[in-house]
Amino acid sequence: SWPLTGSLLAGYGGRMPDGRRSSGVLVSAAAGTPVTAVAEGTVVFAEWMTGYGLILIIDHGNGYMSLYAHNDSLLKGPGDRVRRGDPVSTVGTSGGQGRAALYFELRRDGKPVDPNAWLQKR
């Protein structure tokens, strides 16, 4: 399951609104919309990061991590266990986004991967 429902602004490998290539997906949604964990795991990072704004990172094991960026608020902190579907943050504009949107990225062994196939298997 995807972390939220909204309009796709940039797909994996596509162009972000600022012209950069996307290593994830950018999904537009109303500010404050709940963002949910895509799979069970442990929160390993939850704070401000330049370029990403308020970002939360979940370690899912087997080398997989999911990143949730440009949030308005973070609902979980490092060390928290989450299950698929648990609210972890809310959509915002942090990190320089001009409109409310979630930047979601999936990584395996530290490298971005297309989240579409992985999420459909879940």
Protein backbone atom coordinates (compact mmCIF):
# COMPACT_ATOMS: atom_id res chain seq x y z
CA SER A 1 0.00 0.00 0.00
CA TRP A 2 1.17 3.51 -0.78
CA PRO A 3 1.82 5.98 2.05
CA LEU A 4 -1.08 8.22 0.94
CA THR A 5 -3.52 8.93 -1.86
CA GLY A 6 -2.93 12.02 -3.95
CA SER A 7 -1.87 13.37 -7.34
CA LEU A 8 1.47 12.23 -8.73
CA LEU A 9 3.68 15.27 -9.39
CA ALA A 10 6.84 13.30 -10.23
CA GLY A 11 7.30 9.58 -10.73
CA TYR A 12 10.41 7.49 -10.11
CA GLY A 13 13.08 8.60 -12.57
CA GLY A 14 10.94 11.56 -13.70
CA ARG A 15 11.53 15.27 -13.24
CA MET A 16 10.79 17.07 -9.99
CA PRO A 17 9.12 20.52 -10.15
CA ASP A 18 12.59 22.12 -9.66
CA GLY A 19 13.99 20.17 -12.64
CA ARG A 20 16.04 17.60 -10.70
CA ARG A 21 15.67 13.90 -11.50
CA SER A 22 13.51 12.07 -8.98
CA SER A 23 14.91 9.09 -7.08
CA GLY A 24 11.45 8.53 -5.61
CA VAL A 25 7.93 9.85 -6.10
CA LEU A 26 6.39 13.21 -5.24
CA VAL A 27 2.69 13.04 -4.39
CA SER A 28 0.56 16.13 -3.92
CA ALA A 29 -1.99 16.07 -1.08
CA ALA A 30 -3.62 18.56 1.26
CA ALA A 31 -1.43 19.84 4.07
CA GLY A 32 -2.01 17.78 7.20
CA THR A 33 -3.02 14.61 5.30
CA PRO A 34 -1.84 11.55 7.28
CA VAL A 35 1.11 9.62 5.83
CA THR A 36 1.29 5.92 6.66
CA ALA A 37 4.10 3.37 6.83
CA VAL A 38 4.28 1.17 3.72
CA ALA A 39 5.55 -1.85 5.67
CA GLU A 40 6.51 -2.98 9.15
CA GLY A 41 9.79 -1.65 10.47
CA THR A 42 11.67 0.57 12.90
CA VAL A 43 12.03 4.33 12.63
CA VAL A 44 15.75 5.10 12.39
CA PHE A 45 15.65 8.85 11.65
CA ALA A 46 13.04 11.55 12.30
CA GLU A 47 14.11 15.20 12.13
CA TRP A 48 14.99 18.07 9.79
CA MET A 49 17.35 17.42 6.87
CA THR A 50 18.42 20.08 4.38
CA GLY A 51 16.66 19.60 1.06
CA TYR A 52 14.11 17.19 2.54
CA GLY A 53 12.61 19.25 5.37
CA LEU A 54 11.06 17.15 8.11
CA ILE A 55 11.95 13.60 7.10
CA LEU A 56 11.23 10.21 8.62
CA ILE A 57 13.13 7.05 7.63
CA ILE A 58 11.97 3.50 8.39
CA ASP A 59 14.23 0.44 8.27
CA HIS A 60 12.22 -2.55 7.00
CA GLY A 61 15.03 -5.11 7.16
CA ASN A 62 16.62 -7.04 4.29
CA GLY A 63 18.38 -3.84 3.22
CA TYR A 64 15.12 -1.91 2.56
CA MET A 65 14.40 1.57 3.93
CA SER A 66 11.59 3.99 3.14
CA LEU A 67 11.92 7.79 3.30
CA TYR A 68 9.03 10.22 3.86
CA ALA A 69 9.99 13.89 3.32
CA HIS A 70 8.57 17.46 3.21
CA ASN A 71 6.32 16.69 6.17
CA ASP A 72 4.41 19.18 8.31
CA SER A 73 4.80 17.02 11.41
CA LEU A 74 6.44 13.76 12.45
CA LEU A 75 4.30 11.39 14.50
CA LYS A 76 6.99 8.80 15.32
CA GLY A 77 10.58 9.00 16.54
CA PRO A 78 13.78 6.96 16.30
CA GLY A 79 13.37 3.51 17.83
CA ASP A 80 9.58 3.39 17.36
CA ARG A 81 8.27 0.19 15.78
CA VAL A 82 5.59 0.67 13.13
CA ARG A 83 3.27 -1.62 11.23
CA ARG A 84 2.04 -1.18 7.69
CA GLY A 85 -0.70 1.46 7.69
CA ASP A 86 0.38 3.17 10.93
CA PRO A 87 0.37 7.00 10.68
CA VAL A 88 3.98 8.25 10.78
CA SER A 89 3.74 11.90 9.64
CA THR A 90 1.54 14.52 8.00
CA VAL A 91 1.96 16.12 4.57
CA GLY A 92 3.50 19.58 4.48
CA THR A 93 5.76 21.98 2.63
CA SER A 94 8.95 21.72 4.70
CA GLY A 95 12.31 21.73 2.96
CA GLY A 96 11.47 24.29 0.31
CA GLN A 97 8.46 22.68 -1.36
CA GLY A 98 6.16 25.28 -2.90
CA ARG A 99 3.05 23.15 -2.42
CA ALA A 100 1.97 20.49 0.04
CA ALA A 101 3.34 17.15 -1.10
CA LEU A 102 5.04 14.01 0.17
CA TYR A 103 8.36 12.93 -1.28
CA PHE A 104 8.60 9.15 -0.86
CA GLU A 105 11.68 7.12 -1.65
CA LEU A 106 12.47 3.44 -1.28
CA ARG A 107 16.09 2.32 -0.94
CA ARG A 108 17.71 -1.09 -0.98
CA ASP A 109 21.25 -1.33 0.36
CA GLY A 110 21.41 2.48 0.31
CA LYS A 111 20.47 2.85 -3.38
CA PRO A 112 17.13 4.24 -4.61
CA VAL A 113 14.86 1.67 -6.25
CA ASP A 114 11.53 1.97 -8.07
CA PRO A 115 8.90 1.65 -5.32
CA ASN A 116 6.12 0.51 -7.68
CA ALA A 117 7.04 -3.17 -7.91
CA TRP A 118 7.96 -3.50 -4.23
CA LEU A 119 4.73 -1.91 -2.99
CA GLN A 120 2.54 -4.01 -5.31
CA LYS A 121 4.04 -7.22 -3.85
CA ARG A 122 3.14 -6.22 -0.30
